[in-house]
């Protein structure tokens, strides 16, 4: 049944976060989800993932 199959965010939320709590700026599930979107969009390194996740201003049409 589809309701029994966990979605990507539920699976990513199960990943243990090894970071020290004082160093946290973003939830690990958010970092992993954004990375999961950035890699298929062409990001090939951690800096590229960061660039892909930056909010870009809208261009005038």
C-alpha atoms as a PDB file:
ATOM      1  CA  UNK A   1       0.000   0.000   0.000  1.00  0.00           C
ATOM      2  CA  UNK A   2       1.404   3.467  -0.876  1.00  0.00           C
ATOM      3  CA  UNK A   3       0.554   4.909   2.557  1.00  0.00           C
ATOM      4  CA  UNK A   4       2.891   2.330   4.115  1.00  0.00           C
ATOM      5  CA  UNK A   5       5.889   3.343   1.992  1.00  0.00           C
ATOM      6  CA  UNK A   6       7.858   6.171   3.612  1.00  0.00           C
ATOM      7  CA  UNK A   7       8.625   9.156   1.432  1.00  0.00           C
ATOM      8  CA  UNK A   8      12.052  10.622   0.821  1.00  0.00           C
ATOM      9  CA  UNK A   9      11.798  13.187   3.633  1.00  0.00           C
ATOM     10  CA  UNK A  10      10.761  10.520   6.133  1.00  0.00           C
ATOM     11  CA  UNK A  11      13.730   8.370   5.117  1.00  0.00           C
ATOM     12  CA  UNK A  12      16.148  11.293   5.238  1.00  0.00           C
ATOM     13  CA  UNK A  13      14.865  12.224   8.705  1.00  0.00           C
ATOM     14  CA  UNK A  14      16.025   8.802   9.917  1.00  0.00           C
ATOM     15  CA  UNK A  15      19.681   9.553   9.097  1.00  0.00           C
ATOM     16  CA  UNK A  16      21.578  10.190  12.355  1.00  0.00           C
ATOM     17  CA  UNK A  17      23.152  13.635  12.581  1.00  0.00           C
ATOM     18  CA  UNK A  18      26.807  13.319  13.687  1.00  0.00           C
ATOM     19  CA  UNK A  19      27.281  17.085  14.003  1.00  0.00           C
ATOM     20  CA  UNK A  20      27.728  18.806  17.358  1.00  0.00           C
ATOM     21  CA  UNK A  21      24.530  20.674  18.322  1.00  0.00           C
ATOM     22  CA  UNK A  22      26.359  23.999  18.749  1.00  0.00           C
ATOM     23  CA  UNK A  23      27.535  23.839  15.116  1.00  0.00           C
ATOM     24  CA  UNK A  24      24.063  23.382  13.631  1.00  0.00           C
ATOM     25  CA  UNK A  25      22.687  26.061  11.339  1.00  0.00           C
ATOM     26  CA  UNK A  26      20.264  23.876   9.398  1.00  0.00           C
ATOM     27  CA  UNK A  27      18.479  20.608  10.097  1.00  0.00           C
ATOM     28  CA  UNK A  28      20.248  17.641   8.534  1.00  0.00           C
ATOM     29  CA  UNK A  29      17.065  16.514   6.778  1.00  0.00           C
ATOM     30  CA  UNK A  30      16.940  19.906   5.013  1.00  0.00           C
ATOM     31  CA  UNK A  31      20.595  19.699   3.956  1.00  0.00           C
ATOM     32  CA  UNK A  32      20.116  16.166   2.622  1.00  0.00           C
ATOM     33  CA  UNK A  33      16.891  17.045   0.787  1.00  0.00           C
ATOM     34  CA  UNK A  34      18.452  20.082  -0.888  1.00  0.00           C
ATOM     35  CA  UNK A  35      21.466  17.988  -1.865  1.00  0.00           C
ATOM     36  CA  UNK A  36      19.156  15.328  -3.305  1.00  0.00           C
ATOM     37  CA  UNK A  37      17.660  18.038  -5.534  1.00  0.00           C
ATOM     38  CA  UNK A  38      20.918  19.789  -6.438  1.00  0.00           C
ATOM     39  CA  UNK A  39      22.851  16.721  -7.624  1.00  0.00           C
ATOM     40  CA  UNK A  40      20.427  15.755 -10.414  1.00  0.00           C
ATOM     41  CA  UNK A  41      20.414  19.443 -11.395  1.00  0.00           C
ATOM     42  CA  UNK A  42      24.163  19.203 -12.053  1.00  0.00           C
ATOM     43  CA  UNK A  43      25.907  19.904  -8.727  1.00  0.00           C
ATOM     44  CA  UNK A  44      29.098  17.831  -8.509  1.00  0.00           C
ATOM     45  CA  UNK A  45      30.668  19.165  -5.299  1.00  0.00           C
ATOM     46  CA  UNK A  46      29.622  20.555  -1.924  1.00  0.00           C
ATOM     47  CA  UNK A  47      30.261  24.162  -3.030  1.00  0.00           C
ATOM     48  CA  UNK A  48      28.154  23.486  -6.141  1.00  0.00           C
ATOM     49  CA  UNK A  49      25.337  22.147  -3.947  1.00  0.00           C
ATOM     50  CA  UNK A  50      25.528  25.365  -1.920  1.00  0.00           C
ATOM     51  CA  UNK A  51      25.342  27.478  -5.073  1.00  0.00           C
ATOM     52  CA  UNK A  52      22.419  25.468  -6.424  1.00  0.00           C
ATOM     53  CA  UNK A  53      20.532  26.009  -3.168  1.00  0.00           C
ATOM     54  CA  UNK A  54      21.019  29.774  -2.976  1.00  0.00           C
ATOM     55  CA  UNK A  55      17.886  31.792  -3.581  1.00  0.00           C
ATOM     56  CA  UNK A  56      18.351  33.674  -6.803  1.00  0.00           C
ATOM     57  CA  UNK A  57      16.640  37.030  -7.367  1.00  0.00           C
ATOM     58  CA  UNK A  58      13.980  37.025 -10.062  1.00  0.00           C
ATOM     59  CA  UNK A  59      15.069  38.375 -13.381  1.00  0.00           C
ATOM     60  CA  UNK A  60      12.984  41.087 -14.991  1.00  0.00           C
ATOM     61  CA  UNK A  61      11.044  39.749 -17.956  1.00  0.00           C
END
